Amino acid sequence: MFSIVLIFSPLLQPFQVSSNLRYRKADGTSYWRSANFSNTNPTHRLTYLEANTRYEVQVQAQCSNTLYGDWSESFFFTTQP
């Protein structure tokens, strides 16, 4: 199994309190896994990744308990064989 550490440089929106992250295998059929991270520590470790697999990741600003921004465009990475 593989893991990767993602480090974000968030473009802080007014009143943004944290960010959400979601990721999945980029096969178009996998379910999203999600996580939340703070703006003061914008890193997140994705664990239990499969070898030689392409993943899709998106982030989203959270401005309050009920107010969320749109999900970002996807970015992709592939784990090593």
C-alpha atoms as a PDB file:
ATOM      1  CA  MET A   1       0.000   0.000   0.000  1.00  0.00           C
ATOM      2  CA  PHE A   2       1.068   3.550  -0.702  1.00  0.00           C
ATOM      3  CA  SER A   3       0.455   6.922   0.889  1.00  0.00           C
ATOM      4  CA  ILE A   4       0.985  10.469  -0.317  1.00  0.00           C
ATOM      5  CA  VAL A   5       1.099  13.808   1.479  1.00  0.00           C
ATOM      6  CA  LEU A   6      -0.748  16.647  -0.238  1.00  0.00           C
ATOM      7  CA  ILE A   7       0.257  20.209   0.642  1.00  0.00           C
ATOM      8  CA  PHE A   8      -2.118  22.950  -0.413  1.00  0.00           C
ATOM      9  CA  SER A   9      -1.626  26.674  -0.761  1.00  0.00           C
ATOM     10  CA  PRO A  10      -5.241  27.663  -0.351  1.00  0.00           C
ATOM     11  CA  LEU A  11      -6.514  30.838  -1.932  1.00  0.00           C
ATOM     12  CA  LEU A  12      -8.406  31.951   1.122  1.00  0.00           C
ATOM     13  CA  GLN A  13     -11.876  33.214   0.462  1.00  0.00           C
ATOM     14  CA  PRO A  14     -13.528  35.747   2.757  1.00  0.00           C
ATOM     15  CA  PHE A  15     -14.671  33.997   5.932  1.00  0.00           C
ATOM     16  CA  GLN A  16     -13.136  30.669   4.899  1.00  0.00           C
ATOM     17  CA  VAL A  17     -12.661  28.501   8.007  1.00  0.00           C
ATOM     18  CA  SER A  18     -11.355  25.259   6.519  1.00  0.00           C
ATOM     19  CA  SER A  19     -11.185  23.176   3.358  1.00  0.00           C
ATOM     20  CA  ASN A  20     -12.575  19.845   2.287  1.00  0.00           C
ATOM     21  CA  LEU A  21     -10.784  17.275   0.191  1.00  0.00           C
ATOM     22  CA  ARG A  22     -12.172  14.342  -1.728  1.00  0.00           C
ATOM     23  CA  TYR A  23     -10.391  11.699  -3.746  1.00  0.00           C
ATOM     24  CA  ARG A  24     -11.053   8.449  -5.577  1.00  0.00           C
ATOM     25  CA  LYS A  25      -9.608   6.126  -8.151  1.00  0.00           C
ATOM     26  CA  ALA A  26      -9.885   7.848 -11.513  1.00  0.00           C
ATOM     27  CA  ASP A  27     -11.803   4.971 -13.055  1.00  0.00           C
ATOM     28  CA  GLY A  28     -15.123   6.846 -12.985  1.00  0.00           C
ATOM     29  CA  THR A  29     -16.863   4.215 -10.866  1.00  0.00           C
ATOM     30  CA  SER A  30     -15.178   4.480  -7.461  1.00  0.00           C
ATOM     31  CA  TYR A  31     -16.790   6.214  -4.513  1.00  0.00           C
ATOM     32  CA  TRP A  32     -15.320   9.470  -3.196  1.00  0.00           C
ATOM     33  CA  ARG A  33     -13.399   9.377   0.093  1.00  0.00           C
ATOM     34  CA  SER A  34     -13.337  12.679   1.939  1.00  0.00           C
ATOM     35  CA  ALA A  35     -11.419  14.591   4.588  1.00  0.00           C
ATOM     36  CA  ASN A  36     -11.340  18.050   6.151  1.00  0.00           C
ATOM     37  CA  PHE A  37      -8.230  20.125   6.861  1.00  0.00           C
ATOM     38  CA  SER A  38      -7.648  23.495   8.462  1.00  0.00           C
ATOM     39  CA  ASN A  39      -6.175  26.527   6.756  1.00  0.00           C
ATOM     40  CA  THR A  40      -3.470  26.748   9.418  1.00  0.00           C
ATOM     41  CA  ASN A  41      -2.217  23.246   8.535  1.00  0.00           C
ATOM     42  CA  PRO A  42      -3.061  22.737   4.855  1.00  0.00           C
ATOM     43  CA  THR A  43      -1.568  19.237   4.557  1.00  0.00           C
ATOM     44  CA  HIS A  44      -3.287  15.902   4.348  1.00  0.00           C
ATOM     45  CA  ARG A  45      -1.959  12.349   4.039  1.00  0.00           C
ATOM     46  CA  LEU A  46      -3.875   9.990   1.780  1.00  0.00           C
ATOM     47  CA  THR A  47      -3.268   6.421   2.911  1.00  0.00           C
ATOM     48  CA  TYR A  48      -4.023   2.896   1.700  1.00  0.00           C
ATOM     49  CA  LEU A  49      -3.521   3.811  -1.938  1.00  0.00           C
ATOM     50  CA  GLU A  50      -3.049   1.013  -4.446  1.00  0.00           C
ATOM     51  CA  ALA A  51       0.100   0.624  -6.541  1.00  0.00           C
ATOM     52  CA  ASN A  52       0.135   1.755 -10.179  1.00  0.00           C
ATOM     53  CA  THR A  53      -3.267   3.440  -9.818  1.00  0.00           C
ATOM     54  CA  ARG A  54      -4.451   6.824 -11.056  1.00  0.00           C
ATOM     55  CA  TYR A  55      -6.350   8.969  -8.523  1.00  0.00           C
ATOM     56  CA  GLU A  56      -8.545  12.046  -8.861  1.00  0.00           C
ATOM     57  CA  VAL A  57      -8.546  14.793  -6.193  1.00  0.00           C
ATOM     58  CA  GLN A  58     -10.732  17.875  -5.637  1.00  0.00           C
ATOM     59  CA  VAL A  59     -10.809  20.541  -2.906  1.00  0.00           C
ATOM     60  CA  GLN A  60     -13.542  22.850  -1.630  1.00  0.00           C
ATOM     61  CA  ALA A  61     -13.623  25.913   0.641  1.00  0.00           C
ATOM     62  CA  GLN A  62     -15.793  25.761   3.743  1.00  0.00           C
ATOM     63  CA  CYS A  63     -16.876  29.197   4.974  1.00  0.00           C
ATOM     64  CA  SER A  64     -19.194  28.177   7.845  1.00  0.00           C
ATOM     65  CA  ASN A  65     -20.937  25.107   9.194  1.00  0.00           C
ATOM     66  CA  THR A  66     -23.418  25.248   6.325  1.00  0.00           C
ATOM     67  CA  LEU A  67     -21.774  27.325   3.577  1.00  0.00           C
ATOM     68  CA  TYR A  68     -19.465  25.627   1.078  1.00  0.00           C
ATOM     69  CA  GLY A  69     -17.792  26.719  -2.152  1.00  0.00           C
ATOM     70  CA  ASP A  70     -17.812  24.735  -5.369  1.00  0.00           C
ATOM     71  CA  TRP A  71     -15.485  21.767  -5.763  1.00  0.00           C
ATOM     72  CA  SER A  72     -12.291  22.582  -7.658  1.00  0.00           C
ATOM     73  CA  GLU A  73     -11.412  21.173 -11.014  1.00  0.00           C
ATOM     74  CA  SER A  74      -9.903  17.727 -10.656  1.00  0.00           C
ATOM     75  CA  PHE A  75      -6.213  17.081 -10.479  1.00  0.00           C
ATOM     76  CA  PHE A  76      -4.692  13.648 -10.905  1.00  0.00           C
ATOM     77  CA  PHE A  77      -1.729  11.621  -9.716  1.00  0.00           C
ATOM     78  CA  THR A  78      -0.583   8.043 -10.242  1.00  0.00           C
ATOM     79  CA  THR A  79       1.086   5.858  -7.629  1.00  0.00           C
ATOM     80  CA  GLN A  80       4.220   3.938  -8.507  1.00  0.00           C
ATOM     81  CA  PRO A  81       4.115   0.280  -9.611  1.00  0.00           C
END
